[in-house]
């Protein structure tokens, strides 16, 4: 398992035990692994976190240029939200073996904008 994903799962364990967070099911963890493998070629790794409802989010920031969050749910969907410059984006796409087109476009735009 990817080190960042392992750390995010460990960070969430106390909240699952004490605050009633939903642990990510194995399908969500598998989708997160797949997403990490797909974005690895971009060179800049995201911040990874487990969300209270059992989804896993991946965040990139580019200073004043904006931010992008990709979220996997283990149900075959990749949800993304972004602010790039003056534009806001939010969408959900089918997630299989490749990064969906619009998510890939947003990630590339963010990374091209800077760190």
PDB file of N, CA and C in Angstrom:
ATOM      1  N   UNK A   1       0.848  -1.174   0.000  1.00  0.00           N
ATOM      2  CA  UNK A   1       0.000   0.000   0.000  1.00  0.00           C
ATOM      3  C   UNK A   1       0.897   1.242   0.000  1.00  0.00           C
ATOM      4  N   UNK A   2       0.470   2.260  -0.688  1.00  0.00           N
ATOM      5  CA  UNK A   2       1.195   3.519  -0.782  1.00  0.00           C
ATOM      6  C   UNK A   2       1.349   4.127   0.612  1.00  0.00           C
ATOM      7  N   UNK A   3       2.527   4.677   0.896  1.00  0.00           N
ATOM      8  CA  UNK A   3       2.820   5.223   2.230  1.00  0.00           C
ATOM      9  C   UNK A   3       1.843   6.322   2.649  1.00  0.00           C
ATOM     10  N   UNK A   4       1.496   7.206   1.716  1.00  0.00           N
ATOM     11  CA  UNK A   4       0.574   8.299   2.068  1.00  0.00           C
ATOM     12  C   UNK A   4      -0.805   7.763   2.413  1.00  0.00           C
ATOM     13  N   UNK A   5      -1.245   6.745   1.711  1.00  0.00           N
ATOM     14  CA  UNK A   5      -2.550   6.152   1.990  1.00  0.00           C
ATOM     15  C   UNK A   5      -2.534   5.435   3.337  1.00  0.00           C
ATOM     16  N   UNK A   6      -1.460   4.711   3.605  1.00  0.00           N
ATOM     17  CA  UNK A   6      -1.327   4.042   4.902  1.00  0.00           C
ATOM     18  C   UNK A   6      -1.390   5.057   6.037  1.00  0.00           C
ATOM     19  N   UNK A   7      -0.665   6.158   5.891  1.00  0.00           N
ATOM     20  CA  UNK A   7      -0.662   7.196   6.928  1.00  0.00           C
ATOM     21  C   UNK A   7      -2.049   7.806   7.110  1.00  0.00           C
ATOM     22  N   UNK A   8      -2.752   8.067   6.015  1.00  0.00           N
ATOM     23  CA  UNK A   8      -4.099   8.653   6.112  1.00  0.00           C
ATOM     24  C   UNK A   8      -5.060   7.696   6.820  1.00  0.00           C
ATOM     25  N   UNK A   9      -4.968   6.415   6.509  1.00  0.00           N
ATOM     26  CA  UNK A   9      -5.829   5.426   7.169  1.00  0.00           C
ATOM     27  C   UNK A   9      -5.516   5.356   8.662  1.00  0.00           C
ATOM     28  N   UNK A  10      -4.238   5.399   9.011  1.00  0.00           N
ATOM     29  CA  UNK A  10      -3.856   5.378  10.425  1.00  0.00           C
ATOM     30  C   UNK A  10      -4.319   6.634  11.143  1.00  0.00           C
ATOM     31  N   UNK A  11      -4.224   7.784  10.477  1.00  0.00           N
ATOM     32  CA  UNK A  11      -4.678   9.041  11.084  1.00  0.00           C
ATOM     33  C   UNK A  11      -6.176   9.023  11.372  1.00  0.00           C
ATOM     34  N   UNK A  12      -6.943   8.314  10.543  1.00  0.00           N
ATOM     35  CA  UNK A  12      -8.398   8.274  10.705  1.00  0.00           C
ATOM     36  C   UNK A  12      -8.862   7.276  11.762  1.00  0.00           C
ATOM     37  N   UNK A  13      -8.032   6.297  12.102  1.00  0.00           N
ATOM     38  CA  UNK A  13      -8.451   5.238  13.041  1.00  0.00           C
ATOM     39  C   UNK A  13      -9.029   5.776  14.351  1.00  0.00           C
ATOM     40  N   UNK A  14      -8.403   6.750  15.005  1.00  0.00           N
ATOM     41  CA  UNK A  14      -8.991   7.242  16.270  1.00  0.00           C
ATOM     42  C   UNK A  14     -10.381   7.856  16.076  1.00  0.00           C
ATOM     43  N   UNK A  15     -10.607   8.484  14.925  1.00  0.00           N
ATOM     44  CA  UNK A  15     -11.907   9.110  14.664  1.00  0.00           C
ATOM     45  C   UNK A  15     -12.984   8.068  14.371  1.00  0.00           C
ATOM     46  N   UNK A  16     -12.571   6.971  13.774  1.00  0.00           N
ATOM     47  CA  UNK A  16     -13.505   5.862  13.556  1.00  0.00           C
ATOM     48  C   UNK A  16     -13.934   5.310  14.915  1.00  0.00           C
ATOM     49  N   UNK A  17     -12.965   5.166  15.806  1.00  0.00           N
ATOM     50  CA  UNK A  17     -13.237   4.582  17.122  1.00  0.00           C
ATOM     51  C   UNK A  17     -13.997   5.527  18.051  1.00  0.00           C
ATOM     52  N   UNK A  18     -13.704   6.837  17.990  1.00  0.00           N
ATOM     53  CA  UNK A  18     -14.272   7.743  18.990  1.00  0.00           C
ATOM     54  C   UNK A  18     -15.340   8.694  18.470  1.00  0.00           C
ATOM     55  N   UNK A  19     -15.370   8.931  17.170  1.00  0.00           N
ATOM     56  CA  UNK A  19     -16.312   9.922  16.647  1.00  0.00           C
ATOM     57  C   UNK A  19     -17.314   9.338  15.657  1.00  0.00           C
ATOM     58  N   UNK A  20     -17.265   8.046  15.476  1.00  0.00           N
ATOM     59  CA  UNK A  20     -18.251   7.412  14.608  1.00  0.00           C
ATOM     60  C   UNK A  20     -18.011   7.575  13.113  1.00  0.00           C
ATOM     61  N   UNK A  21     -16.772   7.920  12.737  1.00  0.00           N
ATOM     62  CA  UNK A  21     -16.469   7.994  11.307  1.00  0.00           C
ATOM     63  C   UNK A  21     -16.646   6.624  10.680  1.00  0.00           C
ATOM     64  N   UNK A  22     -16.986   6.601   9.424  1.00  0.00           N
ATOM     65  CA  UNK A  22     -17.115   5.353   8.678  1.00  0.00           C
ATOM     66  C   UNK A  22     -15.750   4.987   8.104  1.00  0.00           C
ATOM     67  N   UNK A  23     -15.244   3.810   8.404  1.00  0.00           N
ATOM     68  CA  UNK A  23     -13.962   3.432   7.806  1.00  0.00           C
ATOM     69  C   UNK A  23     -14.151   3.168   6.310  1.00  0.00           C
ATOM     70  N   UNK A  24     -13.167   3.516   5.499  1.00  0.00           N
ATOM     71  CA  UNK A  24     -13.307   3.268   4.063  1.00  0.00           C
ATOM     72  C   UNK A  24     -13.379   1.764   3.787  1.00  0.00           C
ATOM     73  N   UNK A  25     -14.333   1.354   2.964  1.00  0.00           N
ATOM     74  CA  UNK A  25     -14.381  -0.059   2.592  1.00  0.00           C
ATOM     75  C   UNK A  25     -13.213  -0.406   1.674  1.00  0.00           C
ATOM     76  N   UNK A  26     -12.959  -1.688   1.526  1.00  0.00           N
ATOM     77  CA  UNK A  26     -11.839  -2.145   0.700  1.00  0.00           C
ATOM     78  C   UNK A  26     -11.946  -1.622  -0.737  1.00  0.00           C
ATOM     79  N   UNK A  27     -13.163  -1.475  -1.267  1.00  0.00           N
ATOM     80  CA  UNK A  27     -13.314  -0.965  -2.631  1.00  0.00           C
ATOM     81  C   UNK A  27     -12.830   0.483  -2.743  1.00  0.00           C
ATOM     82  N   UNK A  28     -13.037   1.268  -1.698  1.00  0.00           N
ATOM     83  CA  UNK A  28     -12.559   2.654  -1.685  1.00  0.00           C
ATOM     84  C   UNK A  28     -11.040   2.687  -1.572  1.00  0.00           C
ATOM     85  N   UNK A  29     -10.491   1.836  -0.731  1.00  0.00           N
ATOM     86  CA  UNK A  29      -9.032   1.772  -0.591  1.00  0.00           C
ATOM     87  C   UNK A  29      -8.394   1.348  -1.916  1.00  0.00           C
ATOM     88  N   UNK A  30      -8.996   0.386  -2.603  1.00  0.00           N
ATOM     89  CA  UNK A  30      -8.476  -0.054  -3.907  1.00  0.00           C
ATOM     90  C   UNK A  30      -8.551   1.078  -4.930  1.00  0.00           C
ATOM     91  N   UNK A  31      -9.646   1.830  -4.919  1.00  0.00           N
ATOM     92  CA  UNK A  31      -9.778   2.967  -5.838  1.00  0.00           C
ATOM     93  C   UNK A  31      -8.733   4.031  -5.517  1.00  0.00           C
ATOM     94  N   UNK A  32      -8.454   4.247  -4.238  1.00  0.00           N
ATOM     95  CA  UNK A  32      -7.442   5.217  -3.833  1.00  0.00           C
ATOM     96  C   UNK A  32      -6.060   4.788  -4.310  1.00  0.00           C
ATOM     97  N   UNK A  33      -5.750   3.523  -4.183  1.00  0.00           N
ATOM     98  CA  UNK A  33      -4.466   2.997  -4.680  1.00  0.00           C
ATOM     99  C   UNK A  33      -4.356   3.217  -6.187  1.00  0.00           C
ATOM    100  N   UNK A  34      -5.432   2.940  -6.886  1.00  0.00           N
ATOM    101  CA  UNK A  34      -5.453   3.105  -8.349  1.00  0.00           C
ATOM    102  C   UNK A  34      -5.237   4.571  -8.716  1.00  0.00           C
ATOM    103  N   UNK A  35      -5.906   5.470  -8.003  1.00  0.00           N
ATOM    104  CA  UNK A  35      -5.751   6.893  -8.285  1.00  0.00           C
ATOM    105  C   UNK A  35      -4.321   7.354  -8.012  1.00  0.00           C
ATOM    106  N   UNK A  36      -3.741   6.929  -6.910  1.00  0.00           N
ATOM    107  CA  UNK A  36      -2.357   7.307  -6.608  1.00  0.00           C
ATOM    108  C   UNK A  36      -1.402   6.830  -7.693  1.00  0.00           C
ATOM    109  N   UNK A  37      -1.616   5.642  -8.207  1.00  0.00           N
ATOM    110  CA  UNK A  37      -0.769   5.133  -9.291  1.00  0.00           C
ATOM    111  C   UNK A  37      -0.938   5.980 -10.557  1.00  0.00           C
ATOM    112  N   UNK A  38      -2.164   6.397 -10.836  1.00  0.00           N
ATOM    113  CA  UNK A  38      -2.431   7.178 -12.045  1.00  0.00           C
ATOM    114  C   UNK A  38      -1.859   8.588 -11.980  1.00  0.00           C
ATOM    115  N   UNK A  39      -1.830   9.198 -10.804  1.00  0.00           N
ATOM    116  CA  UNK A  39      -1.327  10.573 -10.700  1.00  0.00           C
ATOM    117  C   UNK A  39       0.172  10.620 -10.422  1.00  0.00           C
ATOM    118  N   UNK A  40       0.799   9.493 -10.171  1.00  0.00           N
ATOM    119  CA  UNK A  40       2.228   9.455  -9.855  1.00  0.00           C
ATOM    120  C   UNK A  40       3.072  10.053 -10.975  1.00  0.00           C
ATOM    121  N   UNK A  41       2.655   9.884 -12.206  1.00  0.00           N
ATOM    122  CA  UNK A  41       3.437  10.382 -13.346  1.00  0.00           C
ATOM    123  C   UNK A  41       3.480  11.904 -13.396  1.00  0.00           C
ATOM    124  N   UNK A  42       2.592  12.555 -12.673  1.00  0.00           N
ATOM    125  CA  UNK A  42       2.567  14.012 -12.652  1.00  0.00           C
ATOM    126  C   UNK A  42       3.658  14.595 -11.765  1.00  0.00           C
ATOM    127  N   UNK A  43       4.291  13.749 -10.971  1.00  0.00           N
ATOM    128  CA  UNK A  43       5.436  14.173 -10.185  1.00  0.00           C
ATOM    129  C   UNK A  43       5.129  14.852  -8.868  1.00  0.00           C
ATOM    130  N   UNK A  44       4.007  15.478  -8.743  1.00  0.00           N
ATOM    131  CA  UNK A  44       3.651  16.164  -7.499  1.00  0.00           C
ATOM    132  C   UNK A  44       2.559  15.380  -6.795  1.00  0.00           C
ATOM    133  N   UNK A  45       2.907  14.807  -5.657  1.00  0.00           N
ATOM    134  CA  UNK A  45       1.963  13.971  -4.926  1.00  0.00           C
ATOM    135  C   UNK A  45       0.958  14.823  -4.156  1.00  0.00           C
ATOM    136  N   UNK A  46      -0.273  14.350  -4.062  1.00  0.00           N
ATOM    137  CA  UNK A  46      -1.295  15.088  -3.319  1.00  0.00           C
ATOM    138  C   UNK A  46      -1.196  14.830  -1.820  1.00  0.00           C
ATOM    139  N   UNK A  47      -1.864  15.672  -1.063  1.00  0.00           N
ATOM    140  CA  UNK A  47      -2.116  15.369   0.348  1.00  0.00           C
ATOM    141  C   UNK A  47      -3.289  14.398   0.359  1.00  0.00           C
ATOM    142  N   UNK A  48      -3.204  13.358   1.161  1.00  0.00           N
ATOM    143  CA  UNK A  48      -4.229  12.304   1.188  1.00  0.00           C
ATOM    144  C   UNK A  48      -4.893  12.310   2.555  1.00  0.00           C
ATOM    145  N   UNK A  49      -6.236  12.214   2.549  1.00  0.00           N
ATOM    146  CA  UNK A  49      -6.944  12.129   3.823  1.00  0.00           C
ATOM    147  C   UNK A  49      -8.185  11.267   3.693  1.00  0.00           C
ATOM    148  N   UNK A  50      -8.517  10.615   4.792  1.00  0.00           N
ATOM    149  CA  UNK A  50      -9.754   9.852   4.888  1.00  0.00           C
ATOM    150  C   UNK A  50     -10.819  10.803   5.412  1.00  0.00           C
ATOM    151  N   UNK A  51     -11.977  10.789   4.785  1.00  0.00           N
ATOM    152  CA  UNK A  51     -13.078  11.663   5.163  1.00  0.00           C
ATOM    153  C   UNK A  51     -14.039  10.939   6.111  1.00  0.00           C
ATOM    154  N   UNK A  52     -14.804  11.684   6.910  1.00  0.00           N
ATOM    155  CA  UNK A  52     -15.693  11.065   7.901  1.00  0.00           C
ATOM    156  C   UNK A  52     -16.680  10.046   7.334  1.00  0.00           C
ATOM    157  N   UNK A  53     -17.122  10.240   6.088  1.00  0.00           N
ATOM    158  CA  UNK A  53     -18.105   9.319   5.510  1.00  0.00           C
ATOM    159  C   UNK A  53     -17.481   8.109   4.827  1.00  0.00           C
ATOM    160  N   UNK A  54     -16.141   7.941   4.949  1.00  0.00           N
ATOM    161  CA  UNK A  54     -15.466   6.760   4.412  1.00  0.00           C
ATOM    162  C   UNK A  54     -14.925   6.939   3.004  1.00  0.00           C
ATOM    163  N   UNK A  55     -14.994   8.146   2.464  1.00  0.00           N
ATOM    164  CA  UNK A  55     -14.358   8.413   1.182  1.00  0.00           C
ATOM    165  C   UNK A  55     -12.900   8.790   1.445  1.00  0.00           C
ATOM    166  N   UNK A  56     -12.117   8.848   0.376  1.00  0.00           N
ATOM    167  CA  UNK A  56     -10.715   9.246   0.497  1.00  0.00           C
ATOM    168  C   UNK A  56     -10.471  10.376  -0.489  1.00  0.00           C
ATOM    169  N   UNK A  57      -9.880  11.465   0.014  1.00  0.00           N
ATOM    170  CA  UNK A  57      -9.660  12.664  -0.792  1.00  0.00           C
ATOM    171  C   UNK A  57      -8.174  12.897  -1.036  1.00  0.00           C
ATOM    172  N   UNK A  58      -7.908  13.522  -2.169  1.00  0.00           N
ATOM    173  CA  UNK A  58      -6.556  13.844  -2.605  1.00  0.00           C
ATOM    174  C   UNK A  58      -6.543  15.317  -2.965  1.00  0.00           C
ATOM    175  N   UNK A  59      -5.675  16.085  -2.312  1.00  0.00           N
ATOM    176  CA  UNK A  59      -5.667  17.545  -2.473  1.00  0.00           C
ATOM    177  C   UNK A  59      -4.339  18.037  -3.032  1.00  0.00           C
ATOM    178  N   UNK A  60      -4.462  18.933  -3.997  1.00  0.00           N
ATOM    179  CA  UNK A  60      -3.317  19.657  -4.533  1.00  0.00           C
ATOM    180  C   UNK A  60      -3.617  21.138  -4.386  1.00  0.00           C
ATOM    181  N   UNK A  61      -2.602  21.920  -4.055  1.00  0.00           N
ATOM    182  CA  UNK A  61      -2.753  23.371  -3.987  1.00  0.00           C
ATOM    183  C   UNK A  61      -1.678  24.008  -4.844  1.00  0.00           C
ATOM    184  N   UNK A  62      -2.012  25.151  -5.395  1.00  0.00           N
ATOM    185  CA  UNK A  62      -1.060  25.899  -6.217  1.00  0.00           C
ATOM    186  C   UNK A  62      -1.079  27.365  -5.802  1.00  0.00           C
ATOM    187  N   UNK A  63      -0.907  27.604  -4.507  1.00  0.00           N
ATOM    188  CA  UNK A  63      -0.861  28.968  -3.994  1.00  0.00           C
ATOM    189  C   UNK A  63      -2.077  29.769  -4.403  1.00  0.00           C
ATOM    190  N   UNK A  64      -1.857  30.979  -4.884  1.00  0.00           N
ATOM    191  CA  UNK A  64      -2.972  31.847  -5.277  1.00  0.00           C
ATOM    192  C   UNK A  64      -3.598  31.418  -6.611  1.00  0.00           C
ATOM    193  N   UNK A  65      -3.013  30.413  -7.280  1.00  0.00           N
ATOM    194  CA  UNK A  65      -3.567  29.929  -8.548  1.00  0.00           C
ATOM    195  C   UNK A  65      -4.798  29.041  -8.339  1.00  0.00           C
ATOM    196  N   UNK A  66      -4.880  28.387  -7.170  1.00  0.00           N
ATOM    197  CA  UNK A  66      -6.059  27.570  -6.900  1.00  0.00           C
ATOM    198  C   UNK A  66      -5.753  26.256  -6.215  1.00  0.00           C
ATOM    199  N   UNK A  67      -6.731  25.366  -6.268  1.00  0.00           N
ATOM    200  CA  UNK A  67      -6.626  24.067  -5.625  1.00  0.00           C
ATOM    201  C   UNK A  67      -7.502  23.059  -6.376  1.00  0.00           C
ATOM    202  N   UNK A  68      -7.230  21.774  -6.130  1.00  0.00           N
ATOM    203  CA  UNK A  68      -8.004  20.679  -6.717  1.00  0.00           C
ATOM    204  C   UNK A  68      -8.133  19.579  -5.678  1.00  0.00           C
ATOM    205  N   UNK A  69      -9.336  19.053  -5.527  1.00  0.00           N
ATOM    206  CA  UNK A  69      -9.582  17.893  -4.684  1.00  0.00           C
ATOM    207  C   UNK A  69     -10.248  16.818  -5.525  1.00  0.00           C
ATOM    208  N   UNK A  70      -9.654  15.625  -5.504  1.00  0.00           N
ATOM    209  CA  UNK A  70     -10.261  14.442  -6.128  1.00  0.00           C
ATOM    210  C   UNK A  70     -10.664  13.506  -5.003  1.00  0.00           C
ATOM    211  N   UNK A  71     -11.861  12.949  -5.084  1.00  0.00           N
ATOM    212  CA  UNK A  71     -12.374  12.071  -4.035  1.00  0.00           C
ATOM    213  C   UNK A  71     -12.881  10.776  -4.636  1.00  0.00           C
ATOM    214  N   UNK A  72     -12.440   9.646  -4.065  1.00  0.00           N
ATOM    215  CA  UNK A  72     -12.924   8.335  -4.493  1.00  0.00           C
ATOM    216  C   UNK A  72     -13.875   7.795  -3.444  1.00  0.00           C
ATOM    217  N   UNK A  73     -14.879   7.070  -3.932  1.00  0.00           N
ATOM    218  CA  UNK A  73     -15.895   6.550  -3.018  1.00  0.00           C
ATOM    219  C   UNK A  73     -16.033   5.033  -3.051  1.00  0.00           C
ATOM    220  N   UNK A  74     -15.293   4.360  -3.911  1.00  0.00           N
ATOM    221  CA  UNK A  74     -15.396   2.909  -3.999  1.00  0.00           C
ATOM    222  C   UNK A  74     -16.633   2.433  -4.718  1.00  0.00           C
ATOM    223  N   UNK A  75     -17.431   3.352  -5.239  1.00  0.00           N
ATOM    224  CA  UNK A  75     -18.655   3.023  -5.970  1.00  0.00           C
ATOM    225  C   UNK A  75     -18.483   3.273  -7.465  1.00  0.00           C
ATOM    226  N   UNK A  76     -17.237   3.434  -7.895  1.00  0.00           N
ATOM    227  CA  UNK A  76     -16.966   3.642  -9.306  1.00  0.00           C
ATOM    228  C   UNK A  76     -17.026   5.089  -9.745  1.00  0.00           C
ATOM    229  N   UNK A  77     -17.011   6.026  -8.787  1.00  0.00           N
ATOM    230  CA  UNK A  77     -17.082   7.443  -9.120  1.00  0.00           C
ATOM    231  C   UNK A  77     -15.845   8.172  -8.601  1.00  0.00           C
ATOM    232  N   UNK A  78     -15.442   9.178  -9.350  1.00  0.00           N
ATOM    233  CA  UNK A  78     -14.396  10.105  -8.930  1.00  0.00           C
ATOM    234  C   UNK A  78     -15.036  11.484  -8.937  1.00  0.00           C
ATOM    235  N   UNK A  79     -15.068  12.105  -7.777  1.00  0.00           N
ATOM    236  CA  UNK A  79     -15.659  13.431  -7.661  1.00  0.00           C
ATOM    237  C   UNK A  79     -14.520  14.434  -7.577  1.00  0.00           C
ATOM    238  N   UNK A  80     -14.685  15.553  -8.264  1.00  0.00           N
ATOM    239  CA  UNK A  80     -13.661  16.567  -8.163  1.00  0.00           C
ATOM    240  C   UNK A  80     -14.266  17.939  -7.985  1.00  0.00           C
ATOM    241  N   UNK A  81     -13.535  18.721  -7.210  1.00  0.00           N
ATOM    242  CA  UNK A  81     -13.865  20.118  -7.004  1.00  0.00           C
ATOM    243  C   UNK A  81     -12.581  20.896  -7.154  1.00  0.00           C
ATOM    244  N   UNK A  82     -12.672  22.060  -7.776  1.00  0.00           N
ATOM    245  CA  UNK A  82     -11.472  22.845  -8.004  1.00  0.00           C
ATOM    246  C   UNK A  82     -11.811  24.320  -8.111  1.00  0.00           C
ATOM    247  N   UNK A  83     -10.840  25.121  -7.770  1.00  0.00           N
ATOM    248  CA  UNK A  83     -10.857  26.544  -8.077  1.00  0.00           C
ATOM    249  C   UNK A  83      -9.526  26.803  -8.768  1.00  0.00           C
ATOM    250  N   UNK A  84      -9.619  27.252 -10.014  1.00  0.00           N
ATOM    251  CA  UNK A  84      -8.426  27.578 -10.801  1.00  0.00           C
ATOM    252  C   UNK A  84      -8.579  28.997 -11.307  1.00  0.00           C
ATOM    253  N   UNK A  85      -7.800  29.867 -10.739  1.00  0.00           N
ATOM    254  CA  UNK A  85      -7.950  31.278 -11.072  1.00  0.00           C
ATOM    255  C   UNK A  85      -9.317  31.767 -10.630  1.00  0.00           C
ATOM    256  N   UNK A  86     -10.093  32.263 -11.570  1.00  0.00           N
ATOM    257  CA  UNK A  86     -11.439  32.771 -11.283  1.00  0.00           C
ATOM    258  C   UNK A  86     -12.526  31.714 -11.502  1.00  0.00           C
ATOM    259  N   UNK A  87     -12.146  30.522 -11.955  1.00  0.00           N
ATOM    260  CA  UNK A  87     -13.117  29.494 -12.323  1.00  0.00           C
ATOM    261  C   UNK A  87     -13.278  28.449 -11.231  1.00  0.00           C
ATOM    262  N   UNK A  88     -14.540  28.033 -10.998  1.00  0.00           N
ATOM    263  CA  UNK A  88     -14.846  26.966 -10.053  1.00  0.00           C
ATOM    264  C   UNK A  88     -15.385  25.774 -10.828  1.00  0.00           C
ATOM    265  N   UNK A  89     -14.991  24.577 -10.372  1.00  0.00           N
ATOM    266  CA  UNK A  89     -15.411  23.351 -11.044  1.00  0.00           C
ATOM    267  C   UNK A  89     -15.874  22.347 -10.001  1.00  0.00           C
ATOM    268  N   UNK A  90     -16.894  21.581 -10.349  1.00  0.00           N
ATOM    269  CA  UNK A  90     -17.353  20.473  -9.523  1.00  0.00           C
ATOM    270  C   UNK A  90     -18.031  19.474 -10.440  1.00  0.00           C
ATOM    271  N   UNK A  91     -17.644  18.217 -10.320  1.00  0.00           N
ATOM    272  CA  UNK A  91     -18.211  17.198 -11.191  1.00  0.00           C
ATOM    273  C   UNK A  91     -17.923  15.821 -10.624  1.00  0.00           C
ATOM    274  N   UNK A  92     -18.701  14.855 -11.043  1.00  0.00           N
ATOM    275  CA  UNK A  92     -18.463  13.465 -10.709  1.00  0.00           C
ATOM    276  C   UNK A  92     -18.400  12.688 -12.022  1.00  0.00           C
ATOM    277  N   UNK A  93     -17.388  11.837 -12.131  1.00  0.00           N
ATOM    278  CA  UNK A  93     -17.201  11.055 -13.356  1.00  0.00           C
ATOM    279  C   UNK A  93     -17.007   9.588 -13.001  1.00  0.00           C
ATOM    280  N   UNK A  94     -17.316   8.725 -13.952  1.00  0.00           N
ATOM    281  CA  UNK A  94     -17.039   7.300 -13.777  1.00  0.00           C
ATOM    282  C   UNK A  94     -15.527   7.118 -13.663  1.00  0.00           C
ATOM    283  N   UNK A  95     -15.111   6.258 -12.724  1.00  0.00           N
ATOM    284  CA  UNK A  95     -13.689   6.037 -12.485  1.00  0.00           C
ATOM    285  C   UNK A  95     -13.376   4.563 -12.660  1.00  0.00           C
ATOM    286  N   UNK A  96     -12.580   4.289 -13.680  1.00  0.00           N
ATOM    287  CA  UNK A  96     -12.162   2.913 -13.962  1.00  0.00           C
ATOM    288  C   UNK A  96     -10.661   2.791 -13.848  1.00  0.00           C
ATOM    289  N   UNK A  97     -10.053   2.343 -14.935  1.00  0.00           N
ATOM    290  CA  UNK A  97      -8.618   2.097 -14.938  1.00  0.00           C
ATOM    291  C   UNK A  97      -7.791   3.301 -15.365  1.00  0.00           C
ATOM    292  N   UNK A  98      -8.454   4.382 -15.766  1.00  0.00           N
ATOM    293  CA  UNK A  98      -7.744   5.583 -16.180  1.00  0.00           C
ATOM    294  C   UNK A  98      -8.347   6.800 -15.480  1.00  0.00           C
ATOM    295  N   UNK A  99      -7.536   7.839 -15.372  1.00  0.00           N
ATOM    296  CA  UNK A  99      -8.024   9.082 -14.810  1.00  0.00           C
ATOM    297  C   UNK A  99      -9.021   9.687 -15.789  1.00  0.00           C
ATOM    298  N   UNK A 100     -10.251   9.989 -15.367  1.00  0.00           N
ATOM    299  CA  UNK A 100     -11.234  10.571 -16.282  1.00  0.00           C
ATOM    300  C   UNK A 100     -10.705  11.857 -16.924  1.00  0.00           C
ATOM    301  N   UNK A 101     -11.178  12.121 -18.131  1.00  0.00           N
ATOM    302  CA  UNK A 101     -10.660  13.240 -18.926  1.00  0.00           C
ATOM    303  C   UNK A 101     -10.707  14.576 -18.199  1.00  0.00           C
ATOM    304  N   UNK A 102     -11.850  14.924 -17.629  1.00  0.00           N
ATOM    305  CA  UNK A 102     -11.968  16.246 -17.031  1.00  0.00           C
ATOM    306  C   UNK A 102     -11.102  16.362 -15.783  1.00  0.00           C
ATOM    307  N   UNK A 103     -11.036  15.306 -14.982  1.00  0.00           N
ATOM    308  CA  UNK A 103     -10.176  15.315 -13.805  1.00  0.00           C
ATOM    309  C   UNK A 103      -8.709  15.461 -14.220  1.00  0.00           C
ATOM    310  N   UNK A 104      -8.307  14.762 -15.259  1.00  0.00           N
ATOM    311  CA  UNK A 104      -6.925  14.859 -15.758  1.00  0.00           C
ATOM    312  C   UNK A 104      -6.627  16.263 -16.265  1.00  0.00           C
ATOM    313  N   UNK A 105      -7.587  16.869 -16.951  1.00  0.00           N
ATOM    314  CA  UNK A 105      -7.413  18.229 -17.459  1.00  0.00           C
ATOM    315  C   UNK A 105      -7.243  19.221 -16.314  1.00  0.00           C
ATOM    316  N   UNK A 106      -8.095  19.121 -15.294  1.00  0.00           N
ATOM    317  CA  UNK A 106      -7.995  20.026 -14.146  1.00  0.00           C
ATOM    318  C   UNK A 106      -6.670  19.860 -13.419  1.00  0.00           C
ATOM    319  N   UNK A 107      -6.242  18.612 -13.242  1.00  0.00           N
ATOM    320  CA  UNK A 107      -4.968  18.363 -12.550  1.00  0.00           C
ATOM    321  C   UNK A 107      -3.823  18.984 -13.344  1.00  0.00           C
ATOM    322  N   UNK A 108      -3.802  18.777 -14.639  1.00  0.00           N
ATOM    323  CA  UNK A 108      -2.731  19.340 -15.448  1.00  0.00           C
ATOM    324  C   UNK A 108      -2.743  20.863 -15.427  1.00  0.00           C
ATOM    325  N   UNK A 109      -3.929  21.442 -15.507  1.00  0.00           N
ATOM    326  CA  UNK A 109      -4.037  22.908 -15.437  1.00  0.00           C
ATOM    327  C   UNK A 109      -3.501  23.449 -14.114  1.00  0.00           C
ATOM    328  N   UNK A 110      -3.841  22.775 -13.017  1.00  0.00           N
ATOM    329  CA  UNK A 110      -3.369  23.210 -11.712  1.00  0.00           C
ATOM    330  C   UNK A 110      -1.855  23.104 -11.618  1.00  0.00           C
ATOM    331  N   UNK A 111      -1.313  21.977 -12.041  1.00  0.00           N
ATOM    332  CA  UNK A 111       0.124  21.777 -11.950  1.00  0.00           C
ATOM    333  C   UNK A 111       0.884  22.733 -12.868  1.00  0.00           C
ATOM    334  N   UNK A 112       0.309  23.039 -14.009  1.00  0.00           N
ATOM    335  CA  UNK A 112       0.935  24.003 -14.918  1.00  0.00           C
ATOM    336  C   UNK A 112       0.943  25.413 -14.333  1.00  0.00           C
ATOM    337  N   UNK A 113      -0.047  25.702 -13.460  1.00  0.00           N
ATOM    338  CA  UNK A 113      -0.158  27.028 -12.865  1.00  0.00           C
ATOM    339  C   UNK A 113       0.937  27.287 -11.839  1.00  0.00           C
ATOM    340  N   UNK A 114       1.461  26.246 -11.236  1.00  0.00           N
ATOM    341  CA  UNK A 114       2.530  26.410 -10.265  1.00  0.00           C
ATOM    342  C   UNK A 114       2.218  25.755  -8.948  1.00  0.00           C
ATOM    343  N   UNK A 115       3.151  25.896  -8.021  1.00  0.00           N
ATOM    344  CA  UNK A 115       3.020  25.248  -6.703  1.00  0.00           C
ATOM    345  C   UNK A 115       2.466  26.231  -5.724  1.00  0.00           C
TER     346      UNK A 115
END
